[in-house]
Amino acid sequence: MTQPPSLLQNRNFFFVWLASVVGNFALAVATIAETWFVVKTLGAKEQLGLVMIAGSVPRIVLMLLGGVVADRMKRSRIILFSLSLRVMLMFALVGLLALGKLDIWMLTGFAFIYGALDAFFWPARDALLPSLVQGSDLTRANSIMLTTNQIGLVFGPVLGGILLALVSYEWVFSITGVLLLVGVGCIAMVQEPPLVQHKERRHVLHELVEGLKYAINTPVLLSLMLIYAIANLLFMGPLGLGIPIIVTDHLKGEASTLSFLQSAFATGMVVGGTLLTIYPPMKKRLLMIAVVIAIEGVLLALQGHVYWLWGAIFIQFLLGFGVVSNNVPMMSLLQQYTDRDKIGRVMSLNTVASMGLSPISYSMVTALLSLHVEIAWIMPAFGLTMSVLVLAMVAVLPTIRKVD
């Protein structure tokens, strides 16, 4: 019972934690504002997928390079640089709005740049935590981070919906920029210990190949990458593009309705993360991840046929609960089974494996929408296929069933 206080009294962990909470709050506000701007103000719901694809492609293409950089440089510096550029981009977006120049193509360009920054930000962020806390605290530290980060994702959409009803988009994005600036200040206070590095610097390609071979030859890491590749191919597109369409077409809602659904998703993550903090899983974690993803597929299928607001909110809550139930054991498994001098590359490889197919997922859903296929057909088809494939992996790969 003394571990959580000791973690929060860890100066470096505290500032990283605070920056994450503030950053996620800003992200939630910006996401709902951008989504609503595209769907309602621009009336371009069929093109929403273009924005998401533009953010995903550079994120995936550059992610492996980001992992190598995270193993070579101080991760806190990489995070600081990325956040600082995001602040400048956010205020540039405000300027374009004020001039009336923000259209779907400008938003697509901004998404592309943000995706490129994420390619370096994410591996650095995921590799930083093990250097700040003791190994025995990693599972609980991951739970605390993932749970408290959802505070912003719970209240962010609510605040975003309120702000959209009261003030202009310029003010909404300005507030987001200020929140990101607070995150920059927090990361600037982190004092990261020296990195574990090779005695001699090798070519980037050599280090990429080394990291890839390491992950492939480690059964736990390979199984994780395969599971998340399937999940993101069949989950990200229908969920990301489907929820705004369900709000407008099925629920006949407004921005506040979208914020309710997004807040329900984040609330489910908070509740699930809290339980995992109190009762961190230690046995059969890979099997737990696979089963939960299979259940999520069924829930995604059901969400495509909900026309009642409270029913949609409840399913979103369960989906959020499931997502955090995957992420906490995933991070712990990665950190437990990875050598410290390769953790940046392994984190980036896992992200590429898990998210590399997201642009294809968005493209598939966007193509089906352009062919006038209803979201009520798309979400069940993708969700149930995901459930079947993941359960088939459980049957085929003994590592999933046996590893703790």
Protein backbone atom coordinates (compact mmCIF):
# COMPACT_ATOMS: atom_id res chain seq x y z
CA MET A 1 0.00 0.00 0.00
CA THR A 2 3.02 2.32 0.23
CA GLN A 3 4.02 1.94 -3.43
CA PRO A 4 1.69 4.50 -5.07
CA PRO A 5 2.78 7.36 -2.72
CA SER A 6 6.45 6.51 -3.31
CA LEU A 7 5.87 6.70 -7.05
CA LEU A 8 4.15 10.07 -6.89
CA GLN A 9 6.92 11.35 -4.62
CA ASN A 10 9.38 10.43 -7.37
CA ARG A 11 10.06 13.88 -8.86
CA ASN A 12 10.72 12.69 -12.40
CA PHE A 13 7.76 10.33 -12.46
CA PHE A 14 5.51 13.08 -11.08
CA PHE A 15 6.38 15.55 -13.84
CA VAL A 16 6.01 12.94 -16.59
CA TRP A 17 2.67 11.92 -15.07
CA LEU A 18 1.45 15.52 -14.87
CA ALA A 19 2.54 16.27 -18.43
CA SER A 20 0.69 13.18 -19.62
CA VAL A 21 -2.53 14.14 -17.84
CA VAL A 22 -2.46 17.69 -19.19
CA GLY A 23 -1.47 16.51 -22.67
CA ASN A 24 -4.28 13.98 -22.83
CA PHE A 25 -6.75 16.61 -21.65
CA ALA A 26 -5.61 18.88 -24.48
CA LEU A 27 -5.76 16.01 -26.97
CA ALA A 28 -9.34 15.16 -26.01
CA VAL A 29 -10.51 18.77 -26.42
CA ALA A 30 -8.72 19.17 -29.77
CA THR A 31 -9.95 15.83 -31.13
CA ILE A 32 -13.62 16.51 -30.53
CA ALA A 33 -13.26 20.04 -31.94
CA GLU A 34 -11.48 18.83 -35.09
CA THR A 35 -13.90 15.94 -35.60
CA TRP A 36 -16.94 18.18 -35.20
CA PHE A 37 -15.41 20.83 -37.46
CA VAL A 38 -14.98 18.27 -40.25
CA VAL A 39 -18.35 16.53 -39.82
CA LYS A 40 -20.59 19.53 -39.11
CA THR A 41 -18.89 22.78 -40.15
CA LEU A 42 -17.27 21.44 -43.33
CA GLY A 43 -19.94 18.77 -43.90
CA ALA A 44 -17.24 16.31 -44.98
CA LYS A 45 -17.89 13.15 -42.96
CA GLU A 46 -16.79 10.97 -45.91
CA GLN A 47 -13.43 12.78 -45.86
CA LEU A 48 -12.84 12.43 -42.12
CA GLY A 49 -10.92 9.26 -42.95
CA LEU A 50 -8.46 11.29 -45.05
CA VAL A 51 -7.47 13.30 -41.98
CA MET A 52 -6.96 10.15 -39.93
CA ILE A 53 -5.00 8.46 -42.70
CA ALA A 54 -2.77 11.53 -43.07
CA GLY A 55 -1.94 11.33 -39.38
CA SER A 56 -1.34 7.59 -39.42
CA VAL A 57 0.94 7.21 -42.46
CA PRO A 58 3.94 9.33 -41.31
CA ARG A 59 3.49 7.99 -37.79
CA ILE A 60 4.00 4.46 -39.05
CA VAL A 61 6.65 5.16 -41.71
CA LEU A 62 8.89 7.07 -39.27
CA MET A 63 8.13 5.06 -36.12
CA LEU A 64 11.05 2.64 -36.51
CA LEU A 65 13.43 5.56 -36.93
CA GLY A 66 11.86 7.07 -33.82
CA GLY A 67 12.68 3.90 -31.90
CA VAL A 68 16.35 4.08 -32.91
CA VAL A 69 16.49 7.75 -31.89
CA ALA A 70 14.89 6.88 -28.52
CA ASP A 71 17.70 4.38 -27.88
CA ARG A 72 20.35 6.96 -28.80
CA MET A 73 19.13 10.24 -27.25
CA LYS A 74 17.59 11.31 -23.96
CA ARG A 75 13.90 10.51 -24.27
CA SER A 76 12.82 13.58 -22.29
CA ARG A 77 14.50 15.84 -24.85
CA ILE A 78 12.68 14.13 -27.72
CA ILE A 79 9.36 14.54 -25.90
CA LEU A 80 10.12 18.20 -25.13
CA PHE A 81 10.93 18.96 -28.78
CA SER A 82 7.79 17.20 -30.03
CA LEU A 83 5.47 18.97 -27.58
CA SER A 84 7.01 22.36 -28.34
CA LEU A 85 6.36 21.95 -32.07
CA ARG A 86 2.78 20.88 -31.34
CA VAL A 87 2.21 24.11 -29.43
CA MET A 88 3.39 26.16 -32.40
CA LEU A 89 1.28 24.14 -34.82
CA MET A 90 -1.82 24.55 -32.67
CA PHE A 91 -1.52 28.34 -32.65
CA ALA A 92 -0.84 28.28 -36.39
CA LEU A 93 -4.15 26.43 -36.75
CA VAL A 94 -5.84 29.19 -34.72
CA GLY A 95 -4.41 31.76 -37.11
CA LEU A 96 -5.76 29.92 -40.17
CA LEU A 97 -9.18 29.69 -38.54
CA ALA A 98 -9.20 33.42 -37.87
CA LEU A 99 -8.34 34.08 -41.52
CA GLY A 100 -11.01 31.66 -42.73
CA LYS A 101 -8.40 29.50 -44.47
CA LEU A 102 -8.89 26.22 -42.57
CA ASP A 103 -10.34 23.57 -44.86
CA ILE A 104 -10.18 19.78 -45.09
CA TRP A 105 -6.83 19.91 -46.92
CA MET A 106 -5.24 22.19 -44.32
CA LEU A 107 -6.46 19.87 -41.56
CA THR A 108 -5.04 16.93 -43.48
CA GLY A 109 -1.66 18.69 -43.66
CA PHE A 110 -1.70 19.41 -39.94
CA ALA A 111 -2.57 15.77 -39.26
CA PHE A 112 0.40 14.68 -41.38
CA ILE A 113 2.83 16.83 -39.37
CA TYR A 114 1.34 15.70 -36.05
CA GLY A 115 1.72 12.08 -37.17
CA ALA A 116 5.39 12.66 -37.97
CA LEU A 117 5.94 14.15 -34.51
CA ASP A 118 4.14 11.20 -32.90
CA ALA A 119 6.59 8.83 -34.60
CA PHE A 120 9.34 10.21 -32.36
CA PHE A 121 7.20 11.13 -29.36
CA TRP A 122 5.63 7.73 -28.70
CA PRO A 123 8.76 5.51 -28.61
CA ALA A 124 10.49 8.08 -26.40
CA ARG A 125 7.52 8.29 -24.05
CA ASP A 126 7.11 4.50 -23.77
CA ALA A 127 10.85 3.95 -23.24
CA LEU A 128 11.22 6.73 -20.64
CA LEU A 129 9.22 5.23 -17.77
CA PRO A 130 11.46 2.19 -17.08
CA SER A 131 14.41 4.56 -16.58
CA LEU A 132 12.52 6.62 -13.98
CA VAL A 133 11.07 3.93 -11.69
CA GLN A 134 12.30 0.67 -10.20
CA GLY A 135 11.52 -2.57 -11.97
CA SER A 136 9.26 -3.74 -9.16
CA ASP A 137 7.14 -0.60 -9.62
CA LEU A 138 6.68 -0.85 -13.38
CA THR A 139 3.30 -2.60 -13.45
CA ARG A 140 1.81 -0.21 -10.90
CA ALA A 141 3.45 2.79 -12.58
CA ASN A 142 1.92 1.78 -15.93
CA SER A 143 -1.47 1.39 -14.28
CA ILE A 144 -1.22 4.80 -12.61
CA MET A 145 -0.15 6.46 -15.86
CA LEU A 146 -2.81 4.82 -17.99
CA THR A 147 -5.56 5.38 -15.43
CA THR A 148 -4.89 8.98 -14.49
CA ASN A 149 -4.21 9.92 -18.10
CA GLN A 150 -7.84 9.09 -18.77
CA ILE A 151 -8.93 11.93 -16.47
CA GLY A 152 -8.30 14.26 -19.38
CA LEU A 153 -10.06 11.91 -21.79
CA VAL A 154 -13.10 11.75 -19.48
CA PHE A 155 -13.53 15.46 -18.89
CA GLY A 156 -11.84 16.69 -22.07
CA PRO A 157 -14.74 15.77 -24.41
CA VAL A 158 -17.23 17.24 -21.93
CA LEU A 159 -15.26 20.49 -21.79
CA GLY A 160 -14.84 20.39 -25.57
CA GLY A 161 -18.59 20.00 -26.09
CA ILE A 162 -19.32 22.86 -23.69
CA LEU A 163 -16.72 25.12 -25.31
CA LEU A 164 -18.04 24.38 -28.80
CA ALA A 165 -21.50 25.45 -27.62
CA LEU A 166 -20.23 28.67 -26.00
CA VAL A 167 -17.16 29.93 -27.88
CA SER A 168 -15.55 29.83 -31.31
CA TYR A 169 -13.22 27.16 -32.65
CA GLU A 170 -10.39 29.69 -32.31
CA TRP A 171 -10.85 29.81 -28.56
CA VAL A 172 -11.11 26.02 -28.29
CA PHE A 173 -7.81 25.48 -30.11
CA SER A 174 -6.15 28.35 -28.20
CA ILE A 175 -7.02 26.69 -24.89
CA THR A 176 -5.59 23.45 -26.26
CA GLY A 177 -2.34 25.21 -27.13
CA VAL A 178 -2.04 26.64 -23.61
CA LEU A 179 -2.56 23.18 -22.09
CA LEU A 180 0.17 21.75 -24.32
CA LEU A 181 2.46 24.57 -23.20
CA VAL A 182 1.93 23.48 -19.58
CA GLY A 183 3.00 19.97 -20.63
CA VAL A 184 6.17 21.42 -22.16
CA GLY A 185 7.01 23.06 -18.82
CA CYS A 186 6.50 19.79 -16.94
CA ILE A 187 8.76 17.78 -19.25
CA ALA A 188 11.43 20.49 -18.99
CA MET A 189 11.62 19.70 -15.25
CA VAL A 190 12.41 15.99 -15.77
CA GLN A 191 15.97 14.95 -14.94
CA GLU A 192 16.53 11.76 -16.93
CA PRO A 193 19.39 9.42 -15.95
CA PRO A 194 22.11 8.58 -18.53
CA LEU A 195 21.16 6.15 -21.28
CA VAL A 196 22.51 2.62 -21.64
CA GLN A 197 24.28 2.82 -25.00
CA HIS A 198 26.47 0.71 -27.26
CA LYS A 199 30.19 1.32 -27.04
CA GLU A 200 30.26 2.36 -30.68
CA ARG A 201 27.55 3.97 -32.81
CA ARG A 202 26.28 1.72 -35.60
CA HIS A 203 24.32 2.43 -38.76
CA VAL A 204 20.61 3.11 -38.27
CA LEU A 205 19.64 0.26 -40.59
CA HIS A 206 21.82 -2.18 -38.63
CA GLU A 207 20.10 -1.20 -35.39
CA LEU A 208 16.65 -1.48 -37.00
CA VAL A 209 17.41 -5.01 -38.23
CA GLU A 210 18.84 -5.97 -34.85
CA GLY A 211 15.69 -4.79 -33.08
CA LEU A 212 13.45 -6.59 -35.57
CA LYS A 213 15.33 -9.89 -35.19
CA TYR A 214 15.23 -9.55 -31.42
CA ALA A 215 11.44 -9.05 -31.41
CA ILE A 216 10.78 -11.90 -33.87
CA ASN A 217 12.94 -14.31 -31.86
CA THR A 218 11.15 -13.45 -28.61
CA PRO A 219 7.85 -15.41 -28.65
CA VAL A 220 6.00 -13.06 -26.28
CA LEU A 221 6.90 -9.98 -28.30
CA LEU A 222 6.04 -11.65 -31.61
CA SER A 223 2.66 -12.81 -30.28
CA LEU A 224 1.85 -9.32 -29.02
CA MET A 225 2.68 -7.76 -32.39
CA LEU A 226 0.53 -10.26 -34.28
CA ILE A 227 -2.46 -9.78 -31.95
CA TYR A 228 -2.36 -6.01 -32.13
CA ALA A 229 -1.84 -6.01 -35.90
CA ILE A 230 -5.13 -7.90 -36.33
CA ALA A 231 -6.92 -5.79 -33.74
CA ASN A 232 -5.93 -2.44 -35.22
CA LEU A 233 -6.66 -3.46 -38.80
CA LEU A 234 -10.23 -4.33 -37.86
CA PHE A 235 -10.92 -2.04 -34.89
CA MET A 236 -9.41 1.42 -35.40
CA GLY A 237 -11.21 2.38 -38.61
CA PRO A 238 -14.74 1.33 -37.65
CA LEU A 239 -14.44 2.86 -34.17
CA GLY A 240 -12.74 6.11 -35.19
CA LEU A 241 -14.97 6.82 -38.18
CA GLY A 242 -18.09 5.04 -36.98
CA ILE A 243 -18.82 6.88 -33.73
CA PRO A 244 -19.22 10.40 -35.23
CA ILE A 245 -21.47 8.91 -37.94
CA ILE A 246 -23.55 7.03 -35.38
CA VAL A 247 -24.00 10.28 -33.45
CA THR A 248 -25.22 12.21 -36.49
CA ASP A 249 -27.16 9.48 -38.34
CA HIS A 250 -28.38 7.03 -35.69
CA LEU A 251 -28.69 9.19 -32.59
CA LYS A 252 -29.45 12.51 -34.35
CA GLY A 253 -27.14 14.19 -31.86
CA GLU A 254 -24.94 17.26 -31.62
CA ALA A 255 -21.40 17.92 -30.41
CA SER A 256 -22.48 17.30 -26.81
CA THR A 257 -23.71 13.81 -27.78
CA LEU A 258 -20.33 12.97 -29.29
CA SER A 259 -18.65 14.23 -26.13
CA PHE A 260 -20.87 11.94 -24.02
CA LEU A 261 -19.79 8.88 -26.01
CA GLN A 262 -16.11 9.81 -25.91
CA SER A 263 -16.33 10.51 -22.18
CA ALA A 264 -18.04 7.14 -21.62
CA PHE A 265 -15.16 5.43 -23.44
CA ALA A 266 -12.60 7.26 -21.30
CA THR A 267 -14.59 6.57 -18.11
CA GLY A 268 -14.45 2.86 -18.91
CA MET A 269 -10.67 3.18 -19.22
CA VAL A 270 -10.48 4.94 -15.84
CA VAL A 271 -12.56 2.28 -14.09
CA GLY A 272 -10.63 -0.56 -15.74
CA GLY A 273 -7.29 1.09 -15.03
CA THR A 274 -8.21 1.65 -11.39
CA LEU A 275 -9.04 -2.02 -10.95
CA LEU A 276 -5.78 -2.99 -12.64
CA THR A 277 -3.85 -0.65 -10.33
CA ILE A 278 -5.38 -2.32 -7.27
CA TYR A 279 -5.21 -5.83 -8.73
CA PRO A 280 -2.40 -5.84 -11.33
CA PRO A 281 -2.60 -9.00 -13.48
CA MET A 282 0.43 -11.30 -13.21
CA LYS A 283 -0.81 -14.58 -14.72
CA LYS A 284 -1.85 -15.47 -18.28
CA ARG A 285 -1.61 -11.85 -19.42
CA LEU A 286 -1.33 -12.69 -23.13
CA LEU A 287 -4.41 -14.89 -22.94
CA MET A 288 -6.25 -12.11 -21.10
CA ILE A 289 -5.40 -9.63 -23.88
CA ALA A 290 -6.62 -11.98 -26.62
CA VAL A 291 -9.93 -12.81 -24.91
CA VAL A 292 -10.70 -9.16 -24.14
CA ILE A 293 -10.02 -8.18 -27.78
CA ALA A 294 -12.40 -10.91 -28.94
CA ILE A 295 -15.10 -9.49 -26.65
CA GLU A 296 -14.41 -5.99 -27.99
CA GLY A 297 -15.14 -7.26 -31.49
CA VAL A 298 -18.62 -8.33 -30.41
CA LEU A 299 -19.21 -4.97 -28.69
CA LEU A 300 -18.11 -3.12 -31.83
CA ALA A 301 -20.63 -5.13 -33.83
CA LEU A 302 -23.40 -4.22 -31.39
CA GLN A 303 -22.49 -0.53 -31.44
CA GLY A 304 -23.25 -0.41 -35.15
CA HIS A 305 -26.91 -1.22 -34.42
CA VAL A 306 -27.59 1.05 -31.43
CA TYR A 307 -30.15 3.84 -31.85
CA TRP A 308 -30.58 4.62 -28.15
CA LEU A 309 -28.18 7.10 -26.56
CA TRP A 310 -27.78 5.31 -23.21
CA GLY A 311 -27.19 2.01 -24.96
CA ALA A 312 -24.42 3.58 -27.07
CA ILE A 313 -22.90 5.16 -23.94
CA PHE A 314 -22.89 1.82 -22.11
CA ILE A 315 -21.17 0.02 -25.01
CA GLN A 316 -18.58 2.80 -25.25
CA PHE A 317 -17.92 2.37 -21.52
CA LEU A 318 -17.33 -1.35 -22.01
CA LEU A 319 -15.07 -0.73 -25.01
CA GLY A 320 -12.98 1.70 -22.97
CA PHE A 321 -12.79 -0.83 -20.14
CA GLY A 322 -11.55 -3.43 -22.62
CA VAL A 323 -8.93 -1.19 -24.22
CA VAL A 324 -7.22 -0.36 -20.92
CA SER A 325 -7.43 -4.03 -19.93
CA ASN A 326 -5.24 -4.67 -22.97
CA ASN A 327 -2.85 -1.76 -22.63
CA VAL A 328 -1.72 -2.24 -19.04
CA PRO A 329 -0.65 -5.90 -19.37
CA MET A 330 0.78 -5.18 -22.83
CA MET A 331 3.11 -2.47 -21.52
CA SER A 332 4.16 -4.64 -18.58
CA LEU A 333 4.92 -7.60 -20.85
CA LEU A 334 6.96 -5.44 -23.23
CA GLN A 335 8.98 -3.91 -20.42
CA GLN A 336 9.48 -7.24 -18.65
CA TYR A 337 10.64 -9.22 -21.69
CA THR A 338 12.79 -6.53 -23.38
CA ASP A 339 16.44 -5.67 -22.75
CA ARG A 340 16.85 -2.04 -21.66
CA ASP A 341 19.20 -1.11 -24.51
CA LYS A 342 16.60 -2.25 -27.07
CA ILE A 343 13.41 -0.99 -25.46
CA GLY A 344 13.03 2.05 -27.71
CA ARG A 345 13.18 -0.09 -30.84
CA VAL A 346 10.89 -2.77 -29.41
CA MET A 347 8.32 -0.14 -28.39
CA SER A 348 8.42 1.35 -31.88
CA LEU A 349 8.19 -2.08 -33.53
CA ASN A 350 5.18 -2.98 -31.43
CA THR A 351 3.54 0.33 -32.28
CA VAL A 352 4.20 -0.21 -35.98
CA ALA A 353 2.82 -3.74 -35.77
CA SER A 354 -0.23 -2.59 -33.83
CA MET A 355 -0.90 0.65 -35.71
CA GLY A 356 0.77 0.08 -39.06
CA LEU A 357 -2.44 -1.29 -40.44
CA SER A 358 -4.59 1.55 -39.08
CA PRO A 359 -4.30 3.63 -42.29
CA ILE A 360 -5.50 0.59 -44.23
CA SER A 361 -8.36 0.22 -41.76
CA TYR A 362 -9.35 3.86 -42.20
CA SER A 363 -9.03 3.50 -46.00
CA MET A 364 -11.22 0.41 -46.06
CA VAL A 365 -13.96 2.06 -44.02
CA THR A 366 -13.69 5.29 -46.04
CA ALA A 367 -13.97 3.33 -49.30
CA LEU A 368 -17.02 1.43 -48.05
CA LEU A 369 -18.67 4.68 -46.91
CA SER A 370 -18.01 6.24 -50.32
CA LEU A 371 -19.77 3.22 -51.85
CA HIS A 372 -22.74 4.04 -49.58
CA VAL A 373 -22.32 0.96 -47.40
CA GLU A 374 -24.02 1.69 -44.08
CA ILE A 375 -21.97 1.89 -40.90
CA ALA A 376 -24.49 -0.58 -39.43
CA TRP A 377 -22.99 -3.21 -41.77
CA ILE A 378 -19.37 -2.10 -41.56
CA MET A 379 -18.94 -2.25 -37.77
CA PRO A 380 -20.35 -5.80 -37.30
CA ALA A 381 -18.36 -7.15 -40.27
CA PHE A 382 -15.06 -5.78 -38.95
CA GLY A 383 -15.74 -6.52 -35.27
CA LEU A 384 -16.84 -10.13 -35.63
CA THR A 385 -14.00 -10.91 -38.04
CA MET A 386 -11.55 -9.55 -35.47
CA SER A 387 -13.03 -11.79 -32.76
CA VAL A 388 -12.75 -14.91 -34.91
CA LEU A 389 -9.14 -14.23 -35.97
CA VAL A 390 -7.90 -13.47 -32.45
CA LEU A 391 -9.50 -16.61 -31.02
CA ALA A 392 -7.92 -18.60 -33.85
CA MET A 393 -4.52 -17.24 -32.77
CA VAL A 394 -5.18 -18.42 -29.23
CA ALA A 395 -5.79 -21.91 -30.58
CA VAL A 396 -2.73 -21.92 -32.87
CA LEU A 397 -0.04 -20.22 -30.73
CA PRO A 398 0.81 -22.01 -27.43
CA THR A 399 2.69 -18.94 -26.16
CA ILE A 400 -0.57 -17.00 -25.86
CA ARG A 401 -2.11 -19.68 -23.69
CA LYS A 402 0.89 -20.40 -21.47
CA VAL A 403 2.98 -17.29 -20.85
CA ASP A 404 2.45 -15.23 -17.71
